Amino acid sequence: MILIVATVILVALAGTAWAAWGAPWLRRAGLRPAAGVAATVTPTRTPRPQTATPTLVPIDLSIALPTATAQPLPTMTPMPASPATPDALTPRLVQVVERYGMDMARRFVVIDLLSQSMTVWDPEAAPRVMPISTGDETRGYRTLAWYGLVGEYWGTFHASGVYADEGWYLFQDAGNILIHGTPYTLVDGQKVYEDVDALGVYPASKGCIRLTPEDAAWFTSWNPKGAPIVILPKDQGLGIP
């Protein structure tokens, strides 16, 4: 009896050992375990999910502040300008306007080489006549008779050893021809103007149209860019004294 019980225990232990070590060995060897022997299932590794690349979105971290309501400004009534009328034009200037097809309802500039003067016509103001000095032919310079538009603003520039302010480009003729203020040199930081006595009296420039510093500043404030301008030949002067 004791021998039978011992035999049963040995068989049970042998079966357990076979289940733990025999079956995996058979699987590695490509053999299937015998029927009735339970195979141990090897767990399958679950793949790790891929993390999507984040898209960076700019975030406005500024703090929104309430906008203050602007106080209404008092309404300013503009001063009425003195409109120009055809009567303000001299008979000679009327002929120039008609000859060159200028519109009296628009602005224009007329330069008179004979009288060394420049007339600025603005339909919203009275005509302004300014003394000028043009090309000195006795020194081989000249200011051509010309009709066109006032060009770009050059401001202050340096040429031929002198400075000039408020330059406005006109055209090319052996160099750049501009309307500008009286030339000057700098002495101890001060502007020393040259040939001031020539303005309105005789030609003294190298071809440009010179103005007094005050008239040059006014001309710039008038903003002449694009305005029609005519330089009359000497035999077609306006006769302005």
Protein backbone atom coordinates (compact mmCIF):
# COMPACT_ATOMS: atom_id res chain seq x y z
CA MET A 1 0.00 0.00 0.00
CA ILE A 2 2.76 2.37 0.88
CA LEU A 3 4.51 1.50 -2.35
CA ILE A 4 1.39 2.40 -4.39
CA VAL A 5 1.03 5.83 -2.71
CA ALA A 6 4.68 6.59 -3.28
CA THR A 7 4.35 5.66 -6.94
CA VAL A 8 1.32 8.04 -7.40
CA ILE A 9 3.25 10.91 -5.80
CA LEU A 10 6.24 10.34 -8.08
CA VAL A 11 4.01 10.31 -11.17
CA ALA A 12 2.34 13.61 -10.12
CA LEU A 13 5.69 15.28 -9.54
CA ALA A 14 6.97 14.03 -12.87
CA GLY A 15 3.90 15.46 -14.67
CA THR A 16 4.39 18.82 -13.05
CA ALA A 17 8.03 18.94 -14.02
CA TRP A 18 7.15 17.96 -17.60
CA ALA A 19 4.56 20.76 -17.84
CA ALA A 20 7.08 23.34 -16.59
CA TRP A 21 10.15 22.26 -18.55
CA GLY A 22 9.20 19.75 -21.19
CA ALA A 23 6.48 21.58 -23.11
CA PRO A 24 8.51 24.82 -23.74
CA TRP A 25 11.44 22.65 -24.90
CA LEU A 26 9.16 20.88 -27.36
CA ARG A 27 7.91 24.22 -28.70
CA ARG A 28 11.45 25.48 -29.20
CA ALA A 29 12.22 22.24 -30.97
CA GLY A 30 9.21 22.65 -33.27
CA LEU A 31 7.22 19.74 -31.62
CA ARG A 32 3.70 19.88 -30.31
CA PRO A 33 2.99 18.58 -26.83
CA ALA A 34 0.96 15.47 -26.48
CA ALA A 35 -2.79 15.72 -26.29
CA GLY A 36 -4.08 16.47 -22.85
CA VAL A 37 -1.03 18.51 -21.84
CA ALA A 38 -1.89 22.21 -21.47
CA ALA A 39 0.53 24.57 -23.30
CA THR A 40 1.60 27.71 -21.52
CA VAL A 41 0.70 30.81 -23.60
CA THR A 42 3.59 33.28 -24.06
CA PRO A 43 2.29 36.85 -23.59
CA THR A 44 2.59 39.11 -26.70
CA ARG A 45 4.21 42.57 -26.19
CA THR A 46 1.74 45.35 -26.86
CA PRO A 47 3.33 47.96 -29.19
CA ARG A 48 3.75 51.43 -27.68
CA PRO A 49 1.54 54.00 -29.40
CA GLN A 50 3.44 56.69 -31.30
CA THR A 51 3.11 60.21 -29.97
CA ALA A 52 2.10 62.73 -32.63
CA THR A 53 4.45 65.66 -33.15
CA PRO A 54 2.82 68.75 -31.58
CA THR A 55 2.06 71.76 -33.76
CA LEU A 56 3.22 74.96 -32.16
CA VAL A 57 0.51 77.59 -32.08
CA PRO A 58 1.48 81.11 -31.12
CA ILE A 59 -0.33 82.33 -28.06
CA ASP A 60 -0.96 85.99 -27.46
CA LEU A 61 0.12 86.61 -23.90
CA SER A 62 -0.52 90.32 -24.01
CA ILE A 63 -3.04 91.76 -21.62
CA ALA A 64 -5.83 93.55 -23.36
CA LEU A 65 -6.22 97.01 -21.92
CA PRO A 66 -9.33 99.08 -22.38
CA THR A 67 -8.95 101.79 -25.00
CA ALA A 68 -9.51 105.22 -23.66
CA THR A 69 -12.13 107.23 -25.43
CA ALA A 70 -10.57 110.27 -27.01
CA GLN A 71 -11.95 113.57 -25.95
CA PRO A 72 -13.60 115.35 -28.87
CA LEU A 73 -11.54 118.23 -30.17
CA PRO A 74 -13.18 121.55 -30.73
CA THR A 75 -14.15 122.14 -34.33
CA MET A 76 -11.87 124.73 -35.88
CA THR A 77 -13.38 126.96 -38.50
CA PRO A 78 -10.76 127.53 -41.21
CA MET A 79 -9.99 131.08 -42.16
CA PRO A 80 -11.26 131.79 -45.63
CA ALA A 81 -8.43 132.15 -48.15
CA SER A 82 -8.33 135.05 -50.53
CA PRO A 83 -9.16 133.41 -53.85
CA ALA A 84 -7.29 134.52 -56.91
CA THR A 85 -9.27 135.97 -59.76
CA PRO A 86 -8.42 136.51 -63.42
CA ASP A 87 -8.17 140.21 -62.65
CA ALA A 88 -5.10 139.43 -60.51
CA LEU A 89 -3.20 138.38 -63.65
CA THR A 90 -1.41 140.96 -65.74
CA PRO A 91 -2.42 141.05 -69.41
CA ARG A 92 1.00 139.59 -70.30
CA LEU A 93 0.55 136.71 -67.87
CA VAL A 94 -2.88 136.01 -69.32
CA GLN A 95 -1.23 135.64 -72.74
CA VAL A 96 1.32 133.20 -71.28
CA VAL A 97 -1.45 131.13 -69.72
CA GLU A 98 -3.27 130.95 -73.03
CA ARG A 99 -0.12 130.20 -75.05
CA TYR A 100 1.01 127.30 -72.89
CA GLY A 101 -2.47 125.95 -72.25
CA MET A 102 -2.30 126.33 -68.48
CA ASP A 103 -5.42 126.01 -66.38
CA MET A 104 -6.14 129.02 -64.21
CA ALA A 105 -8.17 126.77 -61.93
CA ARG A 106 -4.93 124.96 -61.01
CA ARG A 107 -1.53 126.00 -59.69
CA PHE A 108 1.41 126.89 -61.92
CA VAL A 109 4.74 128.76 -61.91
CA VAL A 110 6.09 131.27 -64.44
CA ILE A 111 9.76 132.30 -64.50
CA ASP A 112 10.65 135.49 -66.33
CA LEU A 113 14.30 135.65 -67.41
CA LEU A 114 13.92 139.24 -68.58
CA SER A 115 12.75 140.71 -65.28
CA GLN A 116 14.48 138.07 -63.10
CA SER A 117 11.24 137.23 -61.32
CA MET A 118 9.13 134.16 -60.55
CA THR A 119 5.33 134.27 -60.31
CA VAL A 120 3.50 131.55 -58.38
CA TRP A 121 -0.17 131.23 -59.27
CA ASP A 122 -2.56 129.53 -56.84
CA PRO A 123 -6.32 129.74 -57.42
CA GLU A 124 -6.84 129.78 -53.64
CA ALA A 125 -4.53 132.71 -52.92
CA ALA A 126 -3.24 135.91 -54.40
CA PRO A 127 -0.35 135.57 -56.91
CA ARG A 128 3.13 135.73 -55.34
CA VAL A 129 5.98 137.38 -57.24
CA MET A 130 9.51 136.62 -56.03
CA PRO A 131 12.92 137.98 -57.12
CA ILE A 132 15.26 135.40 -58.64
CA SER A 133 18.69 135.09 -60.23
CA THR A 134 19.31 132.79 -63.19
CA GLY A 135 22.24 131.64 -65.37
CA ASP A 136 24.99 134.19 -65.90
CA GLU A 137 25.73 134.11 -69.64
CA THR A 138 28.72 136.45 -69.23
CA ARG A 139 30.50 133.55 -67.48
CA GLY A 140 29.33 130.92 -69.97
CA TYR A 141 26.25 129.74 -68.06
CA ARG A 142 22.61 129.87 -69.08
CA THR A 143 19.06 129.08 -68.00
CA LEU A 144 17.13 127.58 -70.89
CA ALA A 145 13.60 128.54 -71.83
CA TRP A 146 11.63 125.47 -70.79
CA TYR A 147 8.17 124.11 -70.05
CA GLY A 148 7.50 121.11 -67.80
CA LEU A 149 6.65 120.05 -64.26
CA VAL A 150 8.43 120.71 -60.98
CA GLY A 151 10.25 117.51 -60.03
CA GLU A 152 11.58 115.86 -56.87
CA TYR A 153 12.54 117.66 -53.69
CA TRP A 154 16.30 117.60 -53.10
CA GLY A 155 16.37 119.64 -49.91
CA THR A 156 19.87 120.78 -48.92
CA PHE A 157 22.66 119.79 -51.30
CA HIS A 158 26.32 120.61 -51.96
CA ALA A 159 27.72 121.56 -55.38
CA SER A 160 30.62 123.63 -56.74
CA GLY A 161 31.97 124.22 -53.24
CA VAL A 162 28.80 125.77 -51.83
CA TYR A 163 25.59 124.63 -50.16
CA ALA A 164 22.00 125.40 -51.08
CA ASP A 165 18.73 124.71 -49.28
CA GLU A 166 15.22 123.83 -50.44
CA GLY A 167 16.23 122.41 -53.82
CA TRP A 168 13.54 121.34 -56.34
CA TYR A 169 14.65 119.49 -59.48
CA LEU A 170 13.59 120.75 -62.92
CA PHE A 171 15.68 119.32 -65.81
CA GLN A 172 19.16 118.52 -67.17
CA ASP A 173 21.30 120.99 -69.13
CA ALA A 174 25.05 120.52 -68.69
CA GLY A 175 24.15 119.52 -65.14
CA ASN A 176 21.13 119.50 -62.87
CA ILE A 177 18.93 122.58 -63.05
CA LEU A 178 16.95 123.30 -59.88
CA ILE A 179 15.04 125.98 -58.07
CA HIS A 180 16.74 126.55 -54.70
CA GLY A 181 17.69 129.05 -52.06
CA THR A 182 20.68 131.37 -52.37
CA PRO A 183 23.98 129.42 -52.16
CA TYR A 184 26.13 129.81 -49.06
CA THR A 185 29.30 128.69 -47.36
CA LEU A 186 29.67 127.76 -43.71
CA VAL A 187 31.93 129.99 -41.65
CA ASP A 188 32.20 129.03 -37.98
CA GLY A 189 28.90 127.19 -38.36
CA GLN A 190 27.14 130.25 -39.80
CA LYS A 191 25.65 130.52 -43.31
CA VAL A 192 27.31 133.19 -45.43
CA TYR A 193 25.19 133.77 -48.53
CA GLU A 194 26.68 134.84 -51.85
CA ASP A 195 25.38 137.23 -54.55
CA VAL A 196 22.31 138.18 -52.53
CA ASP A 197 22.27 141.57 -54.26
CA ALA A 198 21.79 139.83 -57.63
CA LEU A 199 18.30 138.54 -56.80
CA GLY A 200 15.74 140.32 -58.97
CA VAL A 201 18.48 142.40 -60.58
CA TYR A 202 20.82 140.35 -62.78
CA PRO A 203 21.73 136.72 -63.58
CA ALA A 204 24.47 135.32 -61.33
CA SER A 205 23.89 131.56 -61.12
CA LYS A 206 25.36 128.60 -63.01
CA GLY A 207 21.98 127.80 -64.54
CA CYS A 208 19.71 127.19 -61.55
CA ILE A 209 16.95 129.52 -60.39
CA ARG A 210 17.96 131.13 -57.10
CA LEU A 211 15.52 132.43 -54.49
CA THR A 212 15.95 134.26 -51.21
CA PRO A 213 16.11 131.87 -48.23
CA GLU A 214 12.68 133.08 -47.10
CA ASP A 215 11.08 132.62 -50.52
CA ALA A 216 12.75 129.20 -50.92
CA ALA A 217 11.26 128.05 -47.60
CA TRP A 218 7.85 129.38 -48.62
CA PHE A 219 8.08 127.63 -51.98
CA THR A 220 8.76 124.31 -50.26
CA SER A 221 5.82 124.82 -47.89
CA TRP A 222 3.67 125.45 -50.98
CA ASN A 223 4.66 121.93 -52.13
CA PRO A 224 5.26 122.61 -55.83
CA LYS A 225 5.95 119.01 -56.93
CA GLY A 226 4.10 118.28 -60.16
CA ALA A 227 3.04 121.86 -60.74
CA PRO A 228 3.41 123.12 -64.33
CA ILE A 229 6.29 125.58 -64.75
CA VAL A 230 7.33 127.67 -67.73
CA ILE A 231 10.62 129.54 -68.17
CA LEU A 232 9.96 132.31 -70.65
CA PRO A 233 12.55 133.34 -73.22
CA LYS A 234 14.02 136.77 -72.67
CA ASP A 235 12.11 138.20 -75.65
CA GLN A 236 8.81 137.04 -74.10
CA GLY A 237 9.20 138.52 -70.63
CA LEU A 238 6.24 139.52 -68.50
CA GLY A 239 7.42 143.06 -68.00
CA ILE A 240 7.16 142.78 -64.21
CA PRO A 241 9.28 145.49 -62.62
